[in-house]
N, C-alpha and C. Protein backbone atom coordinates (compact mmCIF):
# COMPACT_ATOMS: atom_id res chain seq x y z
N MET A 1 114.92 -6.68 102.78
CA MET A 1 115.51 -6.60 101.48
C MET A 1 114.84 -5.65 100.31
N ILE A 2 115.38 -4.90 99.81
CA ILE A 2 114.83 -3.75 99.05
C ILE A 2 114.23 -4.51 97.56
N ASP A 3 113.62 -4.51 97.28
CA ASP A 3 112.68 -5.26 96.27
C ASP A 3 111.43 -4.19 95.42
N GLU A 4 110.88 -4.98 94.46
CA GLU A 4 110.03 -4.29 94.35
C GLU A 4 108.77 -3.80 95.03
N THR A 5 108.50 -5.04 95.61
CA THR A 5 107.18 -4.95 96.69
C THR A 5 107.56 -4.01 97.67
N HIS A 6 108.92 -4.05 98.29
CA HIS A 6 109.38 -3.29 98.80
C HIS A 6 110.16 -2.57 99.28
N PRO A 7 109.78 -1.17 98.76
CA PRO A 7 110.85 0.01 98.00
C PRO A 7 111.99 0.37 99.17
N LEU A 8 112.86 1.32 99.08
CA LEU A 8 113.63 2.02 99.87
C LEU A 8 112.94 3.42 100.16
N LEU A 9 112.46 3.54 101.51
CA LEU A 9 111.79 4.69 102.23
C LEU A 9 113.21 5.88 102.07
N LEU A 10 113.03 6.57 101.56
CA LEU A 10 113.85 7.63 101.89
C LEU A 10 113.69 9.00 102.08
N GLY A 11 114.01 9.10 103.90
CA GLY A 11 113.28 10.54 104.43
C GLY A 11 114.19 11.43 104.48
N SER A 12 113.20 12.38 103.24
CA SER A 12 113.97 13.64 102.60
C SER A 12 113.21 14.32 101.81
N ALA A 13 113.06 15.62 102.09
CA ALA A 13 112.37 16.58 101.09
C ALA A 13 113.49 16.71 99.65
N SER A 14 114.50 16.18 99.59
CA SER A 14 115.27 17.31 98.80
C SER A 14 115.68 16.40 97.83
N PRO A 15 115.58 17.14 96.89
CA PRO A 15 115.35 16.66 94.96
C PRO A 15 116.59 15.83 95.07
N ARG A 16 117.62 16.77 95.39
CA ARG A 16 119.25 16.39 95.11
C ARG A 16 119.07 14.64 95.48
N ARG A 17 118.76 14.27 96.76
CA ARG A 17 118.87 13.33 97.24
C ARG A 17 117.97 11.85 96.65
N ARG A 18 117.34 12.42 96.17
CA ARG A 18 115.82 11.58 95.11
C ARG A 18 116.79 11.26 94.02
N GLU A 19 117.22 12.52 93.06
CA GLU A 19 118.17 12.26 91.86
C GLU A 19 119.14 11.15 92.04
N ILE A 20 120.36 11.68 92.97
CA ILE A 20 121.07 10.42 92.81
C ILE A 20 120.62 8.89 93.36
N LEU A 21 120.22 9.15 94.30
CA LEU A 21 119.30 7.28 94.12
C LEU A 21 118.33 7.12 92.81
N ALA A 22 117.97 7.66 92.25
CA ALA A 22 117.16 7.87 91.19
C ALA A 22 118.44 6.51 89.93
N THR A 23 119.09 7.18 90.05
CA THR A 23 120.39 7.26 88.61
C THR A 23 120.92 5.19 89.50
N PHE A 24 120.64 4.70 90.63
CA PHE A 24 120.78 3.57 90.65
C PHE A 24 119.96 1.99 89.95
N GLY A 25 118.75 3.39 89.79
CA GLY A 25 117.35 2.42 89.85
C GLY A 25 116.80 1.28 90.59
N LEU A 26 116.90 1.88 91.61
CA LEU A 26 116.41 1.05 93.06
C LEU A 26 114.92 1.38 93.12
N PRO A 27 113.99 0.71 93.71
CA PRO A 27 112.62 1.17 93.67
C PRO A 27 112.59 1.92 95.63
N LEU A 28 111.58 3.55 95.07
CA LEU A 28 111.96 4.24 95.87
C LEU A 28 110.90 4.61 96.07
N ARG A 29 110.44 5.33 97.54
CA ARG A 29 109.30 5.32 98.21
C ARG A 29 109.83 6.69 98.34
N VAL A 30 109.25 8.28 98.66
CA VAL A 30 109.95 9.31 99.00
C VAL A 30 108.93 9.80 100.20
N VAL A 31 108.94 10.75 101.70
CA VAL A 31 108.57 11.20 102.02
C VAL A 31 109.22 12.03 102.90
N SER A 32 108.57 13.37 103.40
CA SER A 32 108.70 14.56 103.84
C SER A 32 108.65 14.67 105.63
N LEU A 33 110.24 15.02 106.11
CA LEU A 33 109.75 14.71 107.73
C LEU A 33 109.84 15.96 108.02
N ASP A 34 108.96 15.71 108.93
CA ASP A 34 109.09 17.53 110.06
C ASP A 34 109.85 17.13 111.07
N VAL A 35 111.42 17.48 111.03
CA VAL A 35 112.15 17.53 112.23
C VAL A 35 112.97 18.67 112.25
N ASP A 36 113.09 19.31 113.57
CA ASP A 36 113.48 20.53 114.03
C ASP A 36 114.83 20.67 113.64
N GLU A 37 115.53 21.29 113.09
CA GLU A 37 116.92 21.50 112.28
C GLU A 37 117.69 22.61 112.89
N ARG A 38 117.19 23.46 113.62
CA ARG A 38 118.41 24.38 114.64
C ARG A 38 118.96 24.26 115.31
N LEU A 39 120.09 24.66 115.38
CA LEU A 39 121.70 23.88 115.68
C LEU A 39 121.10 25.09 117.23
N ARG A 40 121.62 23.86 118.34
CA ARG A 40 121.16 24.66 119.75
C ARG A 40 122.52 24.72 119.93
N PRO A 41 122.66 26.38 121.46
CA PRO A 41 123.59 26.66 121.88
C PRO A 41 124.70 25.69 122.20
N GLY A 42 126.04 26.14 121.41
CA GLY A 42 127.02 25.43 121.88
C GLY A 42 127.02 24.21 121.47
N GLU A 43 125.90 23.49 120.69
CA GLU A 43 126.41 22.16 120.02
C GLU A 43 127.25 22.48 118.69
N GLY A 44 128.34 21.37 118.86
CA GLY A 44 129.05 21.04 117.44
C GLY A 44 128.76 21.00 116.62
N PRO A 45 129.48 20.26 115.17
CA PRO A 45 128.66 20.33 114.05
C PRO A 45 128.38 18.32 113.77
N ARG A 46 129.30 17.51 114.78
CA ARG A 46 129.21 16.31 114.97
C ARG A 46 128.14 15.98 115.75
N PRO A 47 127.78 16.53 116.75
CA PRO A 47 126.23 16.31 117.40
C PRO A 47 125.18 16.23 116.92
N TYR A 48 125.69 17.66 116.30
CA TYR A 48 124.43 18.20 115.55
C TYR A 48 124.06 17.19 114.66
N LEU A 49 124.98 16.48 113.48
CA LEU A 49 124.39 15.73 112.93
C LEU A 49 123.72 14.57 112.91
N GLU A 50 124.69 14.07 114.31
CA GLU A 50 124.30 12.77 115.02
C GLU A 50 122.62 12.56 115.51
N ARG A 51 122.63 14.25 116.14
CA ARG A 51 121.30 14.25 116.55
C ARG A 51 119.78 14.47 115.48
N ILE A 52 119.92 15.40 114.10
CA ILE A 52 119.32 15.40 113.45
C ILE A 52 118.60 14.21 112.79
N VAL A 53 120.25 12.90 112.34
CA VAL A 53 119.54 12.36 111.52
C VAL A 53 119.14 11.74 112.47
N ALA A 54 119.17 11.13 113.79
CA ALA A 54 118.68 10.39 114.46
C ALA A 54 117.07 10.47 114.83
N ASP A 55 117.01 11.87 114.83
CA ASP A 55 115.69 12.86 114.68
C ASP A 55 114.88 12.39 113.47
N LYS A 56 115.64 12.41 112.46
CA LYS A 56 114.78 12.20 111.03
C LYS A 56 114.31 10.75 110.75
N LEU A 57 115.80 9.86 111.67
CA LEU A 57 114.97 8.18 111.71
C LEU A 57 113.62 8.11 112.84
N ALA A 58 113.81 8.54 113.16
CA ALA A 58 112.59 7.98 114.61
C ALA A 58 111.20 8.79 113.84
N ALA A 59 111.01 10.07 113.44
CA ALA A 59 110.46 10.24 112.42
C ALA A 59 110.12 9.59 111.15
N ALA A 60 110.83 9.17 110.77
CA ALA A 60 110.49 8.05 109.36
C ALA A 60 109.89 6.83 109.81
N THR A 61 110.20 6.25 111.05
CA THR A 61 109.49 5.25 111.59
C THR A 61 108.01 4.92 111.35
N PRO A 62 106.92 6.03 111.36
CA PRO A 62 105.39 5.55 110.91
C PRO A 62 105.66 5.13 109.55
N HIS A 63 106.19 5.85 108.91
CA HIS A 63 106.10 5.53 107.12
C HIS A 63 106.74 4.69 106.56
N ALA A 64 107.60 3.73 107.65
CA ALA A 64 108.12 2.32 107.08
C ALA A 64 107.16 0.97 106.98
N VAL A 65 106.29 1.37 106.14
CA VAL A 65 105.34 -0.12 106.06
C VAL A 65 105.91 -0.71 104.72
N ALA A 66 105.62 -2.10 105.15
CA ALA A 66 106.13 -2.58 103.32
C ALA A 66 107.64 -2.16 102.81
N VAL A 67 108.09 -1.30 103.46
CA VAL A 67 109.52 -1.61 103.00
C VAL A 67 111.21 -2.71 103.43
N GLY A 68 111.83 -2.40 102.20
CA GLY A 68 112.86 -2.94 102.65
C GLY A 68 113.78 -2.64 103.45
N ALA A 69 113.93 -1.32 103.41
CA ALA A 69 115.14 -0.43 103.77
C ALA A 69 115.09 0.85 103.85
N VAL A 70 115.67 1.71 105.14
CA VAL A 70 114.77 3.41 105.63
C VAL A 70 116.40 3.76 105.35
N LEU A 71 116.38 5.46 104.79
CA LEU A 71 117.38 6.08 104.69
C LEU A 71 116.92 7.03 104.97
N VAL A 72 118.02 7.91 105.74
CA VAL A 72 117.50 9.16 106.11
C VAL A 72 119.42 10.17 106.26
N ALA A 73 119.24 11.49 105.61
CA ALA A 73 120.70 12.40 105.61
C ALA A 73 120.47 13.54 106.54
N ASP A 74 121.48 14.31 106.70
CA ASP A 74 121.85 15.26 106.68
C ASP A 74 122.84 15.87 106.31
N THR A 75 123.01 17.14 105.77
CA THR A 75 124.73 17.90 105.26
C THR A 75 124.40 19.19 105.93
N SER A 76 126.20 19.29 106.30
CA SER A 76 126.59 20.33 107.06
C SER A 76 127.53 20.80 106.32
N VAL A 77 128.16 22.25 105.90
CA VAL A 77 128.98 22.76 105.48
C VAL A 77 129.55 23.19 106.86
N ILE A 78 130.81 22.77 106.42
CA ILE A 78 131.65 23.01 108.12
C ILE A 78 132.99 24.18 107.58
N LEU A 79 133.02 25.45 107.75
CA LEU A 79 134.12 26.43 108.03
C LEU A 79 134.56 26.88 108.81
N GLY A 80 135.46 26.48 109.35
CA GLY A 80 136.62 25.67 110.47
C GLY A 80 135.93 25.30 111.59
N GLU A 81 135.20 25.85 112.48
CA GLU A 81 134.11 25.13 113.46
C GLU A 81 132.87 25.12 113.68
N THR A 82 132.57 26.27 112.48
CA THR A 82 131.48 26.63 112.51
C THR A 82 130.97 25.96 111.10
N ALA A 83 129.14 25.41 111.45
CA ALA A 83 128.95 24.62 110.91
C ALA A 83 127.01 25.79 110.37
N LEU A 84 127.79 26.27 108.71
CA LEU A 84 126.83 26.81 107.93
C LEU A 84 125.38 25.95 107.01
N GLY A 85 124.31 26.68 107.91
CA GLY A 85 123.25 26.14 107.49
C GLY A 85 122.27 26.67 106.08
N LYS A 86 121.35 26.64 105.97
CA LYS A 86 120.74 27.40 104.66
C LYS A 86 120.37 28.81 105.11
N PRO A 87 121.07 29.64 104.21
CA PRO A 87 120.93 30.84 104.05
C PRO A 87 119.27 31.59 104.21
N ALA A 88 119.17 32.43 105.10
CA ALA A 88 117.72 32.58 105.44
C ALA A 88 117.30 33.98 104.27
N ASP A 89 118.05 34.15 103.59
CA ASP A 89 117.64 35.39 102.86
C ASP A 89 118.63 36.02 102.20
N ASP A 90 118.98 36.42 101.35
CA ASP A 90 119.92 37.02 99.86
C ASP A 90 121.16 37.63 100.75
N ALA A 91 121.26 38.23 101.55
CA ALA A 91 121.56 38.46 102.57
C ALA A 91 122.31 37.84 103.34
N GLU A 92 121.68 36.72 104.38
CA GLU A 92 122.61 35.61 104.89
C GLU A 92 123.72 34.89 103.61
N ALA A 93 123.13 34.85 102.29
CA ALA A 93 123.38 33.97 101.63
C ALA A 93 124.96 34.93 101.18
N ARG A 94 124.79 35.70 100.87
CA ARG A 94 125.81 36.57 100.50
C ARG A 94 127.56 36.87 101.34
N ALA A 95 126.70 37.30 102.98
CA ALA A 95 127.39 36.68 103.88
C ALA A 95 128.06 35.50 103.77
N MET A 96 127.24 34.67 103.56
CA MET A 96 128.18 32.58 103.79
C MET A 96 129.25 32.88 102.43
N LEU A 97 129.09 33.44 101.40
CA LEU A 97 129.46 33.28 100.27
C LEU A 97 130.88 34.21 100.54
N THR A 98 130.71 34.77 100.64
CA THR A 98 131.67 35.88 101.30
C THR A 98 132.69 35.40 102.53
N ALA A 99 132.61 34.36 103.51
CA ALA A 99 133.23 34.28 104.26
C ALA A 99 133.70 32.56 103.39
N LEU A 100 133.33 31.93 102.45
CA LEU A 100 133.73 31.06 101.92
C LEU A 100 134.50 31.13 100.77
N SER A 101 134.94 32.19 100.43
CA SER A 101 135.66 32.51 99.33
C SER A 101 137.05 33.09 99.43
N GLY A 102 138.19 32.15 98.51
CA GLY A 102 139.26 32.01 98.64
C GLY A 102 139.32 31.16 99.75
N ARG A 103 138.71 30.18 100.28
CA ARG A 103 139.20 29.65 101.36
C ARG A 103 138.32 28.23 101.21
N GLU A 104 139.35 27.26 102.04
CA GLU A 104 138.68 25.37 102.48
C GLU A 104 137.91 25.66 103.06
N HIS A 105 137.04 24.57 102.87
CA HIS A 105 135.46 24.27 103.76
C HIS A 105 135.49 22.84 103.58
N GLU A 106 134.45 22.23 104.62
CA GLU A 106 133.98 20.63 104.24
C GLU A 106 132.75 20.64 104.41
N VAL A 107 131.93 19.67 103.67
CA VAL A 107 131.38 19.30 103.54
C VAL A 107 130.59 17.68 104.43
N TRP A 108 129.98 17.87 105.37
CA TRP A 108 129.42 16.39 106.04
C TRP A 108 128.57 16.19 105.67
N THR A 109 128.12 14.63 105.32
CA THR A 109 126.98 13.99 105.06
C THR A 109 127.14 12.91 106.30
N ARG A 110 125.75 13.32 107.09
CA ARG A 110 125.39 11.85 108.16
C ARG A 110 124.52 11.14 107.34
N PHE A 111 124.13 9.90 107.22
CA PHE A 111 123.43 9.49 106.93
C PHE A 111 123.28 8.20 107.77
N ALA A 112 121.83 7.44 108.14
CA ALA A 112 121.91 6.30 108.65
C ALA A 112 120.74 5.35 108.22
N ILE A 113 120.90 4.14 108.05
CA ILE A 113 120.12 3.15 107.43
C ILE A 113 119.55 2.35 108.53
N ALA A 114 117.93 2.21 108.09
CA ALA A 114 117.39 0.99 108.96
C ALA A 114 116.93 -0.50 107.82
N SER A 115 116.45 -1.59 108.68
CA SER A 115 115.93 -2.36 107.87
C SER A 115 114.61 -2.61 107.52
N GLY A 116 113.65 -3.28 106.84
CA GLY A 116 112.29 -2.45 107.04
C GLY A 116 111.46 -3.02 107.97
N ALA A 117 112.79 -4.64 108.75
CA ALA A 117 112.09 -5.10 109.28
C ALA A 117 112.01 -4.76 110.92
N ASP A 118 113.05 -3.93 111.01
CA ASP A 118 112.79 -3.21 112.26
C ASP A 118 113.44 -1.40 111.67
N PRO A 119 112.51 -0.62 111.86
CA PRO A 119 112.66 0.76 111.05
C PRO A 119 113.19 1.65 112.11
N THR A 120 113.22 1.28 113.69
CA THR A 120 113.59 2.12 115.13
C THR A 120 115.04 2.07 115.12
N ARG A 121 115.69 1.09 114.71
CA ARG A 121 116.77 1.22 114.94
C ARG A 121 117.76 1.03 113.42
N ALA A 122 118.95 1.49 113.80
CA ALA A 122 119.89 1.94 112.65
C ALA A 122 120.73 1.18 112.91
N VAL A 123 120.93 0.39 111.70
CA VAL A 123 122.42 -1.06 110.89
C VAL A 123 123.74 -0.19 110.91
N HIS A 124 123.50 1.01 110.02
CA HIS A 124 124.46 1.55 109.81
C HIS A 124 124.23 3.24 110.10
N ALA A 125 125.39 3.74 110.78
CA ALA A 125 125.39 5.51 110.41
C ALA A 125 126.92 5.49 110.75
N GLU A 126 126.80 6.88 109.68
CA GLU A 126 128.18 7.38 108.82
C GLU A 126 128.18 8.66 108.68
N THR A 127 129.09 9.21 108.74
CA THR A 127 129.32 10.54 108.32
C THR A 127 130.46 10.80 107.47
N VAL A 128 130.21 11.24 106.39
CA VAL A 128 131.33 11.27 105.12
C VAL A 128 131.35 12.52 105.06
N ARG A 129 132.73 12.95 104.78
CA ARG A 129 133.52 13.99 104.90
C ARG A 129 134.15 14.36 103.61
N THR A 130 134.10 15.99 102.70
CA THR A 130 134.51 16.09 101.60
C THR A 130 135.26 17.76 101.77
N ARG A 131 136.67 17.45 101.18
CA ARG A 131 137.59 18.67 101.07
C ARG A 131 137.13 19.84 100.26
N VAL A 132 136.19 20.91 100.17
CA VAL A 132 136.50 21.60 98.80
C VAL A 132 136.62 23.39 99.02
N PHE A 133 137.42 23.58 98.03
CA PHE A 133 138.50 24.78 97.79
C PHE A 133 137.77 25.36 96.85
N PHE A 134 137.20 26.95 97.49
CA PHE A 134 136.77 28.18 96.60
C PHE A 134 137.46 28.77 96.12
N ARG A 135 137.66 28.96 95.02
CA ARG A 135 138.41 30.54 94.64
C ARG A 135 138.07 31.56 95.18
N ALA A 136 138.62 32.48 94.92
CA ALA A 136 138.74 33.83 95.48
C ALA A 136 137.21 34.48 94.86
N LEU A 137 136.30 34.76 95.34
CA LEU A 137 135.51 35.67 94.57
C LEU A 137 135.19 36.72 94.72
N ASP A 138 134.81 37.60 93.54
CA ASP A 138 134.98 39.09 93.88
C ASP A 138 133.14 39.78 93.83
N ALA A 139 133.37 40.59 94.92
CA ALA A 139 131.73 41.27 95.36
C ALA A 139 130.63 41.22 94.45
N ASP A 140 130.89 41.58 93.21
CA ASP A 140 130.16 41.67 91.83
C ASP A 140 129.73 40.05 92.06
N GLU A 141 130.81 39.11 91.70
CA GLU A 141 130.29 37.39 91.41
C GLU A 141 129.04 37.12 92.59
N ILE A 142 129.80 37.73 94.02
CA ILE A 142 129.28 37.07 94.97
C ILE A 142 127.98 37.38 94.84
N LYS A 143 127.64 38.41 94.76
CA LYS A 143 125.97 38.90 94.65
C LYS A 143 124.87 38.98 93.64
N ALA A 144 125.69 38.58 92.13
CA ALA A 144 125.40 38.12 91.10
C ALA A 144 124.74 36.39 91.20
N TYR A 145 125.45 35.67 92.11
CA TYR A 145 125.47 34.50 92.37
C TYR A 145 123.99 33.97 93.50
N ALA A 146 124.28 35.35 95.07
CA ALA A 146 123.15 35.33 95.31
C ALA A 146 121.90 35.38 94.94
N ALA A 147 121.67 36.43 94.32
CA ALA A 147 120.71 36.79 93.19
C ALA A 147 119.98 35.74 92.40
N THR A 148 120.76 34.63 92.09
CA THR A 148 119.82 33.71 91.03
C THR A 148 119.21 33.05 92.34
N GLY A 149 119.59 32.46 93.75
CA GLY A 149 118.92 32.21 94.79
C GLY A 149 119.01 30.95 94.46
N GLU A 150 119.71 30.13 93.75
CA GLU A 150 119.90 29.01 93.85
C GLU A 150 120.95 28.36 95.17
N GLY A 151 120.93 29.24 95.92
CA GLY A 151 121.26 28.69 96.83
C GLY A 151 120.61 28.65 98.15
N LEU A 152 119.67 29.38 98.36
CA LEU A 152 119.01 29.65 99.23
C LEU A 152 118.26 28.19 100.03
N ASP A 153 118.25 27.40 99.03
CA ASP A 153 117.55 25.98 100.36
C ASP A 153 119.28 25.00 100.30
N LYS A 154 120.22 25.62 100.34
CA LYS A 154 121.54 25.10 100.32
C LYS A 154 122.37 25.19 101.59
N ALA A 155 122.99 23.92 101.89
CA ALA A 155 123.95 24.37 103.28
C ALA A 155 124.62 25.23 102.73
N GLY A 156 125.43 26.30 103.11
CA GLY A 156 126.33 27.02 102.75
C GLY A 156 126.48 28.04 101.55
N ALA A 157 124.97 27.88 101.08
CA ALA A 157 124.29 29.24 99.93
C ALA A 157 125.01 28.58 98.44
N TYR A 158 125.34 27.42 98.71
CA TYR A 158 125.97 27.14 97.12
C TYR A 158 125.38 25.74 96.48
N ALA A 159 125.31 25.89 95.19
CA ALA A 159 124.89 24.31 94.76
C ALA A 159 126.33 23.81 93.92
N ILE A 160 126.91 22.75 93.96
CA ILE A 160 128.22 22.43 93.34
C ILE A 160 127.82 21.97 91.96
N GLN A 161 126.63 21.48 91.97
CA GLN A 161 125.59 20.95 90.69
C GLN A 161 125.11 21.66 90.00
N GLY A 162 125.41 23.31 89.98
CA GLY A 162 124.60 24.26 89.25
C GLY A 162 125.67 25.00 89.22
N ILE A 163 125.28 26.34 89.13
CA ILE A 163 125.87 27.53 88.84
C ILE A 163 126.89 27.67 89.64
N GLY A 164 127.11 27.15 91.05
CA GLY A 164 127.91 27.62 92.07
C GLY A 164 129.10 26.91 91.79
N SER A 165 128.77 25.85 90.95
CA SER A 165 130.39 25.26 90.63
C SER A 165 131.36 26.23 89.91
N PHE A 166 130.90 27.27 89.64
CA PHE A 166 132.14 28.68 88.97
C PHE A 166 133.43 28.47 90.27
N ALA A 167 132.80 28.85 91.54
CA ALA A 167 133.26 28.82 92.69
C ALA A 167 134.00 28.27 92.94
N VAL A 168 134.02 26.41 92.85
CA VAL A 168 134.90 25.39 93.44
C VAL A 168 136.01 25.16 92.58
N GLU A 169 137.57 25.51 93.24
CA GLU A 169 138.32 24.95 92.40
C GLU A 169 138.41 23.77 92.08
N ARG A 170 138.62 22.91 93.25
CA ARG A 170 138.63 21.13 93.47
C ARG A 170 137.77 20.88 94.52
N ILE A 171 137.35 19.34 94.36
CA ILE A 171 137.61 18.93 95.79
C ILE A 171 138.09 17.53 96.40
N GLU A 172 138.04 17.34 97.24
CA GLU A 172 138.95 16.32 98.14
C GLU A 172 137.80 15.03 98.24
N GLY A 173 137.63 14.35 97.62
CA GLY A 173 136.40 13.46 98.11
C GLY A 173 135.29 13.59 98.00
N SER A 174 134.43 12.65 98.16
CA SER A 174 133.25 12.00 97.20
C SER A 174 132.45 13.80 97.02
N TYR A 175 132.41 13.56 95.32
CA TYR A 175 131.07 14.68 95.07
C TYR A 175 129.93 14.45 95.26
N SER A 176 129.47 13.20 95.13
CA SER A 176 128.25 13.21 95.69
C SER A 176 127.86 13.60 97.21
N ASN A 177 128.47 13.36 97.59
CA ASN A 177 128.61 13.84 99.07
C ASN A 177 128.09 15.56 99.42
N VAL A 178 129.00 16.21 98.17
CA VAL A 178 128.73 17.42 98.68
C VAL A 178 127.38 17.82 98.22
N VAL A 179 126.68 17.44 96.78
CA VAL A 179 125.38 17.59 96.63
C VAL A 179 124.62 16.96 97.62
N GLY A 180 124.63 16.28 98.43
CA GLY A 180 123.90 15.56 99.33
C GLY A 180 123.78 14.37 99.79
N LEU A 181 124.23 13.41 99.50
CA LEU A 181 124.32 12.11 99.40
C LEU A 181 125.61 11.21 99.04
N PRO A 182 126.34 10.89 99.71
CA PRO A 182 127.36 10.44 99.24
C PRO A 182 127.05 8.80 98.84
N ALA A 183 127.06 8.82 97.88
CA ALA A 183 126.53 7.24 96.71
C ALA A 183 127.31 6.54 97.07
N CYS A 184 128.39 6.17 96.91
CA CYS A 184 129.37 5.91 97.19
C CYS A 184 129.22 4.50 98.47
N GLU A 185 129.21 5.10 99.12
CA GLU A 185 128.77 4.90 100.81
C GLU A 185 127.32 4.23 101.26
N VAL A 186 126.88 5.04 100.57
CA VAL A 186 125.16 4.44 100.94
C VAL A 186 125.53 2.99 100.09
N ILE A 187 125.59 3.34 99.05
CA ILE A 187 125.59 1.34 98.39
C ILE A 187 126.18 0.59 99.03
N VAL A 188 127.57 0.99 99.00
CA VAL A 188 128.14 0.22 100.18
C VAL A 188 127.64 -0.59 101.55
N ALA A 189 126.81 0.19 102.06
CA ALA A 189 126.49 0.17 103.88
C ALA A 189 125.49 -0.41 103.20
N LEU A 190 124.41 -0.67 102.08
CA LEU A 190 123.00 -1.24 102.30
C LEU A 190 123.35 -2.52 101.58
N ARG A 191 124.77 -2.71 101.05
CA ARG A 191 124.81 -4.08 100.60
C ARG A 191 125.38 -5.24 101.54
N ALA A 192 126.12 -3.98 102.93
CA ALA A 192 127.17 -4.91 103.61
C ALA A 192 125.88 -5.31 104.95
N ALA A 193 124.99 -4.66 104.90
CA ALA A 193 123.75 -4.99 105.64
C ALA A 193 123.09 -5.78 105.53
N GLY A 194 122.82 -6.38 104.04
CA GLY A 194 122.52 -7.54 103.44
C GLY A 194 120.54 -7.04 102.90
N LEU A 195 120.68 -5.36 102.66
CA LEU A 195 119.46 -5.12 102.40
C LEU A 195 119.26 -4.80 101.05
N LEU A 196 120.49 -5.15 99.98
CA LEU A 196 120.52 -4.71 98.56
C LEU A 196 120.82 -6.13 97.85
N GLY A 197 120.20 -6.43 96.81
CA GLY A 197 120.45 -7.85 96.57
C GLY A 197 121.23 -7.73 95.36
N ARG A 198 121.34 -8.42 94.36
CA ARG A 198 121.89 -8.23 92.88
C ARG A 198 122.19 -6.35 92.66
N PHE A 199 123.59 -6.46 92.33
CA PHE A 199 123.62 -4.56 92.14
C PHE A 199 125.49 -4.53 91.40
N PRO A 200 124.79 -3.72 90.30
CA PRO A 200 123.81 -2.97 89.76
C PRO A 200 122.71 -3.47 89.23
N ARG A 201 121.68 -2.77 88.63
CA ARG A 201 120.28 -3.87 88.44
C ARG A 201 119.77 -2.51 87.65
N PRO A 202 118.88 -3.85 86.12
CA PRO A 202 118.72 -2.63 85.37
C PRO A 202 117.68 -1.70 85.68
N PRO A 203 117.85 -0.49 85.33
CA PRO A 203 116.56 0.77 85.66
C PRO A 203 115.02 0.27 86.17
N ILE A 204 113.83 0.75 86.28
CA ILE A 204 112.68 0.35 86.95
C ILE A 204 112.34 1.03 85.76
N ALA A 205 111.57 0.60 84.73
CA ALA A 205 110.92 0.97 83.81
C ALA A 205 109.59 2.23 84.08
């Protein structure tokens, strides 16, 4: 059970995931995990996410000392049958934005939760999907946005919570999922697993 002496362990270096969880006022400990996130030849988006999240949970296990629960996650931008990862540079960012321009894509976030009592085994794992619709972008907009550098550490080369919102006409599904963590589904899963007591609760001072 998550409490002040047994925080939720978040296995992620993403500041977006940390910020989303911080809004709930939960006791939180954050660790960065060393996991190879390269796509394997012929690997589809679903098995890729399942593998990466399983690897992250395994990597988080040694850090799960005196914690109430463990949470790991990974997000992919899916265009057609192709998973778009983080761009390697400005040129790749421009190429991704050009591909997304005027089209619909999906953002998939898979997360897994384990109890502090047995951090090696997921008590819940789920993939949440959100449809995102980009308006048509002209070449100058794409070049200027890529030059901001905002999307260089984001799957799909854009941040819906930042400047990148100018490109998004609408979404269908969870907004926080596109940011990097489906807040509603995570809280529901923690409560269903008996890992979260009274909620909402006052923020920790």
